[in-house]
Amino acid sequence: MILPLSEEDNKRFWTMLGEKVIDKVRQDGNLPDFYRSLSAALGEDSAGEPAVYFKIFVDSPKGAASDAVVTRWNQFTREFLDQLLRLRLQRQPYVFLGAA
């Protein structure tokens, strides 16, 4: 268990954990073509609790994104977050999308 503010609780660890979750999604055959990379940042949420913020970088469509694209982005984000929540982390995970 990685406790918040411990020596192991660093950006590198959380980025590697996020990449392992991406590997699991890939193995399940659910990694979309628009995925490019991710980053992690540590902080506190609005309640002052330890949090980890994952930003998933995706290809952005030219022009406005269609409803189908937005729906697929949301499905992927939820799947990634669900995988993180199953790990019962000591930091609350939050997931955001960004253009690559």
PDB file of N, CA and C in Angstrom:
ATOM      1  N   MET A   1       0.845  -1.167   0.000  1.00  0.00           N
ATOM      2  CA  MET A   1       0.000   0.000   0.000  1.00  0.00           C
ATOM      3  C   MET A   1       0.899   1.242   0.000  1.00  0.00           C
ATOM      4  N   ILE A   2       0.619   2.166  -0.885  1.00  0.00           N
ATOM      5  CA  ILE A   2       1.369   3.415  -0.955  1.00  0.00           C
ATOM      6  C   ILE A   2       0.582   4.474  -0.192  1.00  0.00           C
ATOM      7  N   LEU A   3       1.101   4.910   0.934  1.00  0.00           N
ATOM      8  CA  LEU A   3       0.415   5.904   1.742  1.00  0.00           C
ATOM      9  C   LEU A   3       0.748   7.306   1.240  1.00  0.00           C
ATOM     10  N   PRO A   4      -0.231   8.220   1.256  1.00  0.00           N
ATOM     11  CA  PRO A   4       0.044   9.593   0.843  1.00  0.00           C
ATOM     12  C   PRO A   4       1.193  10.185   1.657  1.00  0.00           C
ATOM     13  N   LEU A   5       2.024  10.942   0.976  1.00  0.00           N
ATOM     14  CA  LEU A   5       3.185  11.639   1.538  1.00  0.00           C
ATOM     15  C   LEU A   5       4.326  10.702   1.937  1.00  0.00           C
ATOM     16  N   SER A   6       4.235   9.415   1.606  1.00  0.00           N
ATOM     17  CA  SER A   6       5.357   8.519   1.857  1.00  0.00           C
ATOM     18  C   SER A   6       6.391   8.714   0.753  1.00  0.00           C
ATOM     19  N   GLU A   7       7.549   8.122   0.925  1.00  0.00           N
ATOM     20  CA  GLU A   7       8.621   8.276  -0.058  1.00  0.00           C
ATOM     21  C   GLU A   7       8.219   7.731  -1.426  1.00  0.00           C
ATOM     22  N   GLU A   8       7.411   6.663  -1.431  1.00  0.00           N
ATOM     23  CA  GLU A   8       6.988   6.061  -2.697  1.00  0.00           C
ATOM     24  C   GLU A   8       5.882   6.856  -3.390  1.00  0.00           C
ATOM     25  N   ASP A   9       5.222   7.740  -2.671  1.00  0.00           N
ATOM     26  CA  ASP A   9       4.083   8.508  -3.176  1.00  0.00           C
ATOM     27  C   ASP A   9       4.596   9.687  -4.000  1.00  0.00           C
ATOM     28  N   ASN A  10       4.911   9.396  -5.263  1.00  0.00           N
ATOM     29  CA  ASN A  10       5.454  10.449  -6.114  1.00  0.00           C
ATOM     30  C   ASN A  10       4.851  10.357  -7.520  1.00  0.00           C
ATOM     31  N   LYS A  11       5.065  11.394  -8.289  1.00  0.00           N
ATOM     32  CA  LYS A  11       4.481  11.471  -9.629  1.00  0.00           C
ATOM     33  C   LYS A  11       4.894  10.279 -10.491  1.00  0.00           C
ATOM     34  N   ARG A  12       6.144   9.871 -10.388  1.00  0.00           N
ATOM     35  CA  ARG A  12       6.630   8.745 -11.200  1.00  0.00           C
ATOM     36  C   ARG A  12       5.852   7.465 -10.894  1.00  0.00           C
ATOM     37  N   PHE A  13       5.651   7.184  -9.608  1.00  0.00           N
ATOM     38  CA  PHE A  13       4.895   5.996  -9.219  1.00  0.00           C
ATOM     39  C   PHE A  13       3.489   6.031  -9.810  1.00  0.00           C
ATOM     40  N   TRP A  14       2.794   7.154  -9.663  1.00  0.00           N
ATOM     41  CA  TRP A  14       1.414   7.244 -10.117  1.00  0.00           C
ATOM     42  C   TRP A  14       1.313   7.209 -11.637  1.00  0.00           C
ATOM     43  N   THR A  15       2.293   7.774 -12.319  1.00  0.00           N
ATOM     44  CA  THR A  15       2.307   7.681 -13.778  1.00  0.00           C
ATOM     45  C   THR A  15       2.468   6.231 -14.207  1.00  0.00           C
ATOM     46  N   MET A  16       3.386   5.502 -13.561  1.00  0.00           N
ATOM     47  CA  MET A  16       3.580   4.083 -13.880  1.00  0.00           C
ATOM     48  C   MET A  16       2.313   3.281 -13.583  1.00  0.00           C
ATOM     49  N   LEU A  17       1.633   3.591 -12.487  1.00  0.00           N
ATOM     50  CA  LEU A  17       0.393   2.898 -12.166  1.00  0.00           C
ATOM     51  C   LEU A  17      -0.658   3.168 -13.251  1.00  0.00           C
ATOM     52  N   GLY A  18      -0.773   4.414 -13.673  1.00  0.00           N
ATOM     53  CA  GLY A  18      -1.707   4.749 -14.747  1.00  0.00           C
ATOM     54  C   GLY A  18      -1.386   3.997 -16.024  1.00  0.00           C
ATOM     55  N   GLU A  19      -0.096   3.873 -16.336  1.00  0.00           N
ATOM     56  CA  GLU A  19       0.305   3.133 -17.536  1.00  0.00           C
ATOM     57  C   GLU A  19      -0.027   1.648 -17.410  1.00  0.00           C
ATOM     58  N   LYS A  20       0.082   1.098 -16.208  1.00  0.00           N
ATOM     59  CA  LYS A  20      -0.311  -0.308 -15.986  1.00  0.00           C
ATOM     60  C   LYS A  20      -1.815  -0.487 -16.204  1.00  0.00           C
ATOM     61  N   VAL A  21      -2.602   0.479 -15.773  1.00  0.00           N
ATOM     62  CA  VAL A  21      -4.046   0.409 -16.000  1.00  0.00           C
ATOM     63  C   VAL A  21      -4.335   0.477 -17.500  1.00  0.00           C
ATOM     64  N   ILE A  22      -3.620   1.355 -18.209  1.00  0.00           N
ATOM     65  CA  ILE A  22      -3.770   1.435 -19.668  1.00  0.00           C
ATOM     66  C   ILE A  22      -3.419   0.089 -20.299  1.00  0.00           C
ATOM     67  N   ASP A  23      -2.352  -0.562 -19.817  1.00  0.00           N
ATOM     68  CA  ASP A  23      -1.979  -1.885 -20.330  1.00  0.00           C
ATOM     69  C   ASP A  23      -3.113  -2.888 -20.124  1.00  0.00           C
ATOM     70  N   LYS A  24      -3.780  -2.819 -18.971  1.00  0.00           N
ATOM     71  CA  LYS A  24      -4.910  -3.722 -18.696  1.00  0.00           C
ATOM     72  C   LYS A  24      -6.051  -3.450 -19.666  1.00  0.00           C
ATOM     73  N   VAL A  25      -6.348  -2.182 -19.904  1.00  0.00           N
ATOM     74  CA  VAL A  25      -7.410  -1.827 -20.852  1.00  0.00           C
ATOM     75  C   VAL A  25      -7.034  -2.327 -22.249  1.00  0.00           C
ATOM     76  N   ARG A  26      -5.746  -2.202 -22.600  1.00  0.00           N
ATOM     77  CA  ARG A  26      -5.261  -2.684 -23.908  1.00  0.00           C
ATOM     78  C   ARG A  26      -5.425  -4.194 -24.005  1.00  0.00           C
ATOM     79  N   GLN A  27      -5.046  -4.936 -22.964  1.00  0.00           N
ATOM     80  CA  GLN A  27      -5.172  -6.392 -22.961  1.00  0.00           C
ATOM     81  C   GLN A  27      -6.629  -6.830 -23.097  1.00  0.00           C
ATOM     82  N   ASP A  28      -7.532  -6.042 -22.529  1.00  0.00           N
ATOM     83  CA  ASP A  28      -8.964  -6.347 -22.630  1.00  0.00           C
ATOM     84  C   ASP A  28      -9.517  -5.993 -24.001  1.00  0.00           C
ATOM     85  N   GLY A  29      -8.680  -5.389 -24.862  1.00  0.00           N
ATOM     86  CA  GLY A  29      -9.113  -5.012 -26.202  1.00  0.00           C
ATOM     87  C   GLY A  29      -9.952  -3.746 -26.247  1.00  0.00           C
ATOM     88  N   ASN A  30      -9.857  -2.917 -25.208  1.00  0.00           N
ATOM     89  CA  ASN A  30     -10.708  -1.731 -25.113  1.00  0.00           C
ATOM     90  C   ASN A  30      -9.945  -0.415 -25.234  1.00  0.00           C
ATOM     91  N   LEU A  31      -8.693  -0.467 -25.690  1.00  0.00           N
ATOM     92  CA  LEU A  31      -7.928   0.777 -25.820  1.00  0.00           C
ATOM     93  C   LEU A  31      -8.244   1.417 -27.171  1.00  0.00           C
ATOM     94  N   PRO A  32      -8.848   2.601 -27.166  1.00  0.00           N
ATOM     95  CA  PRO A  32      -9.240   3.229 -28.430  1.00  0.00           C
ATOM     96  C   PRO A  32      -8.048   3.798 -29.189  1.00  0.00           C
ATOM     97  N   ASP A  33      -8.237   3.970 -30.481  1.00  0.00           N
ATOM     98  CA  ASP A  33      -7.168   4.506 -31.337  1.00  0.00           C
ATOM     99  C   ASP A  33      -6.791   5.929 -30.976  1.00  0.00           C
ATOM    100  N   PHE A  34      -7.703   6.682 -30.398  1.00  0.00           N
ATOM    101  CA  PHE A  34      -7.416   8.093 -30.121  1.00  0.00           C
ATOM    102  C   PHE A  34      -6.517   8.303 -28.905  1.00  0.00           C
ATOM    103  N   TYR A  35      -6.259   7.272 -28.088  1.00  0.00           N
ATOM    104  CA  TYR A  35      -5.393   7.401 -26.909  1.00  0.00           C
ATOM    105  C   TYR A  35      -3.953   7.649 -27.345  1.00  0.00           C
ATOM    106  N   ARG A  36      -3.278   8.596 -26.685  1.00  0.00           N
ATOM    107  CA  ARG A  36      -1.866   8.881 -26.972  1.00  0.00           C
ATOM    108  C   ARG A  36      -0.968   8.667 -25.766  1.00  0.00           C
ATOM    109  N   SER A  37      -1.295   9.257 -24.625  1.00  0.00           N
ATOM    110  CA  SER A  37      -0.433   9.141 -23.445  1.00  0.00           C
ATOM    111  C   SER A  37      -1.197   9.624 -22.220  1.00  0.00           C
ATOM    112  N   LEU A  38      -0.526   9.573 -21.065  1.00  0.00           N
ATOM    113  CA  LEU A  38      -1.133  10.106 -19.858  1.00  0.00           C
ATOM    114  C   LEU A  38      -0.076  10.729 -18.972  1.00  0.00           C
ATOM    115  N   SER A  39      -0.536  11.563 -18.066  1.00  0.00           N
ATOM    116  CA  SER A  39       0.341  12.132 -17.044  1.00  0.00           C
ATOM    117  C   SER A  39      -0.405  12.095 -15.718  1.00  0.00           C
ATOM    118  N   ALA A  40       0.339  12.194 -14.632  1.00  0.00           N
ATOM    119  CA  ALA A  40      -0.257  12.178 -13.298  1.00  0.00           C
ATOM    120  C   ALA A  40       0.272  13.368 -12.508  1.00  0.00           C
ATOM    121  N   ALA A  41      -0.573  13.894 -11.647  1.00  0.00           N
ATOM    122  CA  ALA A  41      -0.183  14.979 -10.745  1.00  0.00           C
ATOM    123  C   ALA A  41      -0.812  14.683  -9.387  1.00  0.00           C
ATOM    124  N   LEU A  42      -0.112  15.046  -8.335  1.00  0.00           N
ATOM    125  CA  LEU A  42      -0.594  14.822  -6.978  1.00  0.00           C
ATOM    126  C   LEU A  42      -1.099  16.123  -6.381  1.00  0.00           C
ATOM    127  N   GLY A  43      -2.063  16.013  -5.497  1.00  0.00           N
ATOM    128  CA  GLY A  43      -2.587  17.194  -4.826  1.00  0.00           C
ATOM    129  C   GLY A  43      -3.659  16.793  -3.843  1.00  0.00           C
ATOM    130  N   GLU A  44      -4.493  17.753  -3.521  1.00  0.00           N
ATOM    131  CA  GLU A  44      -5.625  17.515  -2.641  1.00  0.00           C
ATOM    132  C   GLU A  44      -6.893  17.856  -3.393  1.00  0.00           C
ATOM    133  N   ASP A  45      -7.981  17.148  -3.060  1.00  0.00           N
ATOM    134  CA  ASP A  45      -9.252  17.477  -3.688  1.00  0.00           C
ATOM    135  C   ASP A  45      -9.906  18.618  -2.915  1.00  0.00           C
ATOM    136  N   SER A  46     -11.128  18.962  -3.281  1.00  0.00           N
ATOM    137  CA  SER A  46     -11.795  20.112  -2.667  1.00  0.00           C
ATOM    138  C   SER A  46     -12.080  19.912  -1.179  1.00  0.00           C
ATOM    139  N   ALA A  47     -12.072  18.668  -0.722  1.00  0.00           N
ATOM    140  CA  ALA A  47     -12.280  18.383   0.697  1.00  0.00           C
ATOM    141  C   ALA A  47     -10.966  18.324   1.468  1.00  0.00           C
ATOM    142  N   GLY A  48      -9.847  18.558   0.772  1.00  0.00           N
ATOM    143  CA  GLY A  48      -8.541  18.514   1.421  1.00  0.00           C
ATOM    144  C   GLY A  48      -7.957  17.126   1.548  1.00  0.00           C
ATOM    145  N   GLU A  49      -8.593  16.141   0.908  1.00  0.00           N
ATOM    146  CA  GLU A  49      -8.100  14.761   0.948  1.00  0.00           C
ATOM    147  C   GLU A  49      -7.051  14.539  -0.138  1.00  0.00           C
ATOM    148  N   PRO A  50      -6.113  13.604   0.084  1.00  0.00           N
ATOM    149  CA  PRO A  50      -5.105  13.308  -0.941  1.00  0.00           C
ATOM    150  C   PRO A  50      -5.760  12.842  -2.238  1.00  0.00           C
ATOM    151  N   ALA A  51      -5.291  13.371  -3.349  1.00  0.00           N
ATOM    152  CA  ALA A  51      -5.855  13.034  -4.652  1.00  0.00           C
ATOM    153  C   ALA A  51      -4.735  12.835  -5.665  1.00  0.00           C
ATOM    154  N   VAL A  52      -5.054  12.064  -6.695  1.00  0.00           N
ATOM    155  CA  VAL A  52      -4.149  11.923  -7.841  1.00  0.00           C
ATOM    156  C   VAL A  52      -4.985  12.268  -9.071  1.00  0.00           C
ATOM    157  N   TYR A  53      -4.428  13.144  -9.901  1.00  0.00           N
ATOM    158  CA  TYR A  53      -5.119  13.625 -11.093  1.00  0.00           C
ATOM    159  C   TYR A  53      -4.433  13.051 -12.323  1.00  0.00           C
ATOM    160  N   PHE A  54      -5.177  12.243 -13.089  1.00  0.00           N
ATOM    161  CA  PHE A  54      -4.653  11.679 -14.327  1.00  0.00           C
ATOM    162  C   PHE A  54      -5.196  12.488 -15.493  1.00  0.00           C
ATOM    163  N   LYS A  55      -4.316  12.903 -16.375  1.00  0.00           N
ATOM    164  CA  LYS A  55      -4.736  13.555 -17.609  1.00  0.00           C
ATOM    165  C   LYS A  55      -4.415  12.598 -18.744  1.00  0.00           C
ATOM    166  N   ILE A  56      -5.450  12.210 -19.465  1.00  0.00           N
ATOM    167  CA  ILE A  56      -5.297  11.309 -20.598  1.00  0.00           C
ATOM    168  C   ILE A  56      -5.284  12.154 -21.862  1.00  0.00           C
ATOM    169  N   PHE A  57      -4.216  12.034 -22.621  1.00  0.00           N
ATOM    170  CA  PHE A  57      -4.081  12.797 -23.853  1.00  0.00           C
ATOM    171  C   PHE A  57      -4.621  11.974 -25.013  1.00  0.00           C
ATOM    172  N   VAL A  58      -5.490  12.609 -25.799  1.00  0.00           N
ATOM    173  CA  VAL A  58      -6.135  11.951 -26.932  1.00  0.00           C
ATOM    174  C   VAL A  58      -5.976  12.823 -28.168  1.00  0.00           C
ATOM    175  N   ASP A  59      -6.110  12.181 -29.324  1.00  0.00           N
ATOM    176  CA  ASP A  59      -6.163  12.946 -30.574  1.00  0.00           C
ATOM    177  C   ASP A  59      -7.430  13.773 -30.563  1.00  0.00           C
ATOM    178  N   SER A  60      -7.310  15.019 -30.933  1.00  0.00           N
ATOM    179  CA  SER A  60      -8.514  15.836 -31.002  1.00  0.00           C
ATOM    180  C   SER A  60      -9.016  15.855 -32.439  1.00  0.00           C
ATOM    181  N   PRO A  61     -10.327  15.768 -32.597  1.00  0.00           N
ATOM    182  CA  PRO A  61     -10.871  15.765 -33.954  1.00  0.00           C
ATOM    183  C   PRO A  61     -10.729  17.148 -34.587  1.00  0.00           C
ATOM    184  N   LYS A  62     -10.716  17.184 -35.880  1.00  0.00           N
ATOM    185  CA  LYS A  62     -10.693  18.458 -36.581  1.00  0.00           C
ATOM    186  C   LYS A  62     -12.096  19.043 -36.502  1.00  0.00           C
ATOM    187  N   GLY A  63     -12.193  20.257 -36.021  1.00  0.00           N
ATOM    188  CA  GLY A  63     -13.511  20.867 -35.846  1.00  0.00           C
ATOM    189  C   GLY A  63     -14.178  20.361 -34.580  1.00  0.00           C
ATOM    190  N   ALA A  64     -15.471  20.492 -34.520  1.00  0.00           N
ATOM    191  CA  ALA A  64     -16.233  20.065 -33.348  1.00  0.00           C
ATOM    192  C   ALA A  64     -16.316  18.537 -33.293  1.00  0.00           C
ATOM    193  N   ALA A  65     -16.199  18.003 -32.094  1.00  0.00           N
ATOM    194  CA  ALA A  65     -16.292  16.556 -31.909  1.00  0.00           C
ATOM    195  C   ALA A  65     -17.746  16.115 -32.051  1.00  0.00           C
ATOM    196  N   SER A  66     -17.953  15.020 -32.734  1.00  0.00           N
ATOM    197  CA  SER A  66     -19.312  14.483 -32.886  1.00  0.00           C
ATOM    198  C   SER A  66     -19.768  13.878 -31.565  1.00  0.00           C
ATOM    199  N   ASP A  67     -21.057  13.678 -31.444  1.00  0.00           N
ATOM    200  CA  ASP A  67     -21.601  13.047 -30.238  1.00  0.00           C
ATOM    201  C   ASP A  67     -21.012  11.661 -30.029  1.00  0.00           C
ATOM    202  N   ALA A  68     -20.797  10.935 -31.114  1.00  0.00           N
ATOM    203  CA  ALA A  68     -20.232   9.581 -31.009  1.00  0.00           C
ATOM    204  C   ALA A  68     -18.815   9.622 -30.446  1.00  0.00           C
ATOM    205  N   VAL A  69     -18.032  10.604 -30.872  1.00  0.00           N
ATOM    206  CA  VAL A  69     -16.653  10.734 -30.376  1.00  0.00           C
ATOM    207  C   VAL A  69     -16.666  11.084 -28.888  1.00  0.00           C
ATOM    208  N   VAL A  70     -17.495  12.018 -28.508  1.00  0.00           N
ATOM    209  CA  VAL A  70     -17.585  12.415 -27.099  1.00  0.00           C
ATOM    210  C   VAL A  70     -18.053  11.243 -26.248  1.00  0.00           C
ATOM    211  N   THR A  71     -19.016  10.487 -26.748  1.00  0.00           N
ATOM    212  CA  THR A  71     -19.501   9.308 -26.024  1.00  0.00           C
ATOM    213  C   THR A  71     -18.364   8.307 -25.821  1.00  0.00           C
ATOM    214  N   ARG A  72     -17.574   8.055 -26.854  1.00  0.00           N
ATOM    215  CA  ARG A  72     -16.456   7.098 -26.737  1.00  0.00           C
ATOM    216  C   ARG A  72     -15.392   7.611 -25.778  1.00  0.00           C
ATOM    217  N   TRP A  73     -15.103   8.924 -25.818  1.00  0.00           N
ATOM    218  CA  TRP A  73     -14.160   9.504 -24.851  1.00  0.00           C
ATOM    219  C   TRP A  73     -14.660   9.268 -23.424  1.00  0.00           C
ATOM    220  N   ASN A  74     -15.936   9.529 -23.193  1.00  0.00           N
ATOM    221  CA  ASN A  74     -16.509   9.349 -21.854  1.00  0.00           C
ATOM    222  C   ASN A  74     -16.476   7.890 -21.413  1.00  0.00           C
ATOM    223  N   GLN A  75     -16.770   6.970 -22.325  1.00  0.00           N
ATOM    224  CA  GLN A  75     -16.715   5.544 -21.986  1.00  0.00           C
ATOM    225  C   GLN A  75     -15.298   5.146 -21.582  1.00  0.00           C
ATOM    226  N   PHE A  76     -14.320   5.605 -22.351  1.00  0.00           N
ATOM    227  CA  PHE A  76     -12.925   5.277 -22.053  1.00  0.00           C
ATOM    228  C   PHE A  76     -12.503   5.860 -20.701  1.00  0.00           C
ATOM    229  N   THR A  77     -12.877   7.103 -20.444  1.00  0.00           N
ATOM    230  CA  THR A  77     -12.542   7.745 -19.175  1.00  0.00           C
ATOM    231  C   THR A  77     -13.160   6.988 -18.011  1.00  0.00           C
ATOM    232  N   ARG A  78     -14.423   6.600 -18.144  1.00  0.00           N
ATOM    233  CA  ARG A  78     -15.089   5.834 -17.080  1.00  0.00           C
ATOM    234  C   ARG A  78     -14.421   4.481 -16.863  1.00  0.00           C
ATOM    235  N   GLU A  79     -14.053   3.817 -17.952  1.00  0.00           N
ATOM    236  CA  GLU A  79     -13.394   2.511 -17.820  1.00  0.00           C
ATOM    237  C   GLU A  79     -12.056   2.658 -17.087  1.00  0.00           C
ATOM    238  N   PHE A  80     -11.284   3.667 -17.455  1.00  0.00           N
ATOM    239  CA  PHE A  80     -10.002   3.919 -16.798  1.00  0.00           C
ATOM    240  C   PHE A  80     -10.223   4.196 -15.304  1.00  0.00           C
ATOM    241  N   LEU A  81     -11.179   5.063 -14.987  1.00  0.00           N
ATOM    242  CA  LEU A  81     -11.461   5.390 -13.594  1.00  0.00           C
ATOM    243  C   LEU A  81     -11.965   4.163 -12.838  1.00  0.00           C
ATOM    244  N   ASP A  82     -12.822   3.369 -13.439  1.00  0.00           N
ATOM    245  CA  ASP A  82     -13.312   2.149 -12.782  1.00  0.00           C
ATOM    246  C   ASP A  82     -12.163   1.212 -12.425  1.00  0.00           C
ATOM    247  N   GLN A  83     -11.212   1.048 -13.349  1.00  0.00           N
ATOM    248  CA  GLN A  83     -10.047   0.200 -13.075  1.00  0.00           C
ATOM    249  C   GLN A  83      -9.255   0.755 -11.882  1.00  0.00           C
ATOM    250  N   LEU A  84      -9.095   2.079 -11.818  1.00  0.00           N
ATOM    251  CA  LEU A  84      -8.375   2.691 -10.697  1.00  0.00           C
ATOM    252  C   LEU A  84      -9.123   2.477  -9.384  1.00  0.00           C
ATOM    253  N   LEU A  85     -10.420   2.672  -9.393  1.00  0.00           N
ATOM    254  CA  LEU A  85     -11.207   2.525  -8.162  1.00  0.00           C
ATOM    255  C   LEU A  85     -11.175   1.103  -7.640  1.00  0.00           C
ATOM    256  N   ARG A  86     -11.065   0.121  -8.522  1.00  0.00           N
ATOM    257  CA  ARG A  86     -10.967  -1.281  -8.080  1.00  0.00           C
ATOM    258  C   ARG A  86      -9.697  -1.541  -7.271  1.00  0.00           C
ATOM    259  N   LEU A  87      -8.693  -0.685  -7.459  1.00  0.00           N
ATOM    260  CA  LEU A  87      -7.430  -0.861  -6.746  1.00  0.00           C
ATOM    261  C   LEU A  87      -7.480  -0.351  -5.302  1.00  0.00           C
ATOM    262  N   ARG A  88      -8.567   0.343  -4.946  1.00  0.00           N
ATOM    263  CA  ARG A  88      -8.744   0.866  -3.585  1.00  0.00           C
ATOM    264  C   ARG A  88      -7.539   1.681  -3.151  1.00  0.00           C
ATOM    265  N   LEU A  89      -7.240   2.706  -3.905  1.00  0.00           N
ATOM    266  CA  LEU A  89      -6.075   3.558  -3.704  1.00  0.00           C
ATOM    267  C   LEU A  89      -6.207   4.419  -2.448  1.00  0.00           C
ATOM    268  N   GLN A  90      -5.068   4.837  -1.921  1.00  0.00           N
ATOM    269  CA  GLN A  90      -5.054   5.727  -0.764  1.00  0.00           C
ATOM    270  C   GLN A  90      -5.231   7.192  -1.171  1.00  0.00           C
ATOM    271  N   ARG A  91      -5.187   7.476  -2.458  1.00  0.00           N
ATOM    272  CA  ARG A  91      -5.490   8.804  -2.998  1.00  0.00           C
ATOM    273  C   ARG A  91      -6.730   8.676  -3.873  1.00  0.00           C
ATOM    274  N   GLN A  92      -7.591   9.662  -3.810  1.00  0.00           N
ATOM    275  CA  GLN A  92      -8.784   9.662  -4.664  1.00  0.00           C
ATOM    276  C   GLN A  92      -8.361   9.974  -6.093  1.00  0.00           C
ATOM    277  N   PRO A  93      -8.676   9.090  -7.050  1.00  0.00           N
ATOM    278  CA  PRO A  93      -8.293   9.370  -8.438  1.00  0.00           C
ATOM    279  C   PRO A  93      -9.323  10.241  -9.159  1.00  0.00           C
ATOM    280  N   TYR A  94      -8.818  11.144  -9.986  1.00  0.00           N
ATOM    281  CA  TYR A  94      -9.641  11.960 -10.871  1.00  0.00           C
ATOM    282  C   TYR A  94      -9.043  11.837 -12.275  1.00  0.00           C
ATOM    283  N   VAL A  95      -9.896  11.803 -13.285  1.00  0.00           N
ATOM    284  CA  VAL A  95      -9.447  11.593 -14.650  1.00  0.00           C
ATOM    285  C   VAL A  95      -9.990  12.703 -15.546  1.00  0.00           C
ATOM    286  N   PHE A  96      -9.098  13.267 -16.363  1.00  0.00           N
ATOM    287  CA  PHE A  96      -9.449  14.324 -17.298  1.00  0.00           C
ATOM    288  C   PHE A  96      -8.897  13.985 -18.663  1.00  0.00           C
ATOM    289  N   LEU A  97      -9.535  14.486 -19.699  1.00  0.00           N
ATOM    290  CA  LEU A  97      -9.040  14.325 -21.070  1.00  0.00           C
ATOM    291  C   LEU A  97      -8.392  15.621 -21.521  1.00  0.00           C
ATOM    292  N   GLY A  98      -7.370  15.487 -22.373  1.00  0.00           N
ATOM    293  CA  GLY A  98      -6.733  16.640 -22.978  1.00  0.00           C
ATOM    294  C   GLY A  98      -6.270  16.298 -24.384  1.00  0.00           C
ATOM    295  N   ALA A  99      -6.129  17.322 -25.195  1.00  0.00           N
ATOM    296  CA  ALA A  99      -5.666  17.114 -26.574  1.00  0.00           C
ATOM    297  C   ALA A  99      -4.171  16.827 -26.575  1.00  0.00           C
ATOM    298  N   ALA A 100      -3.775  15.877 -27.414  1.00  0.00           N
ATOM    299  CA  ALA A 100      -2.355  15.489 -27.523  1.00  0.00           C
ATOM    300  C   ALA A 100      -1.581  16.525 -28.310  1.00  0.00           C
TER     301      ALA A 100
END
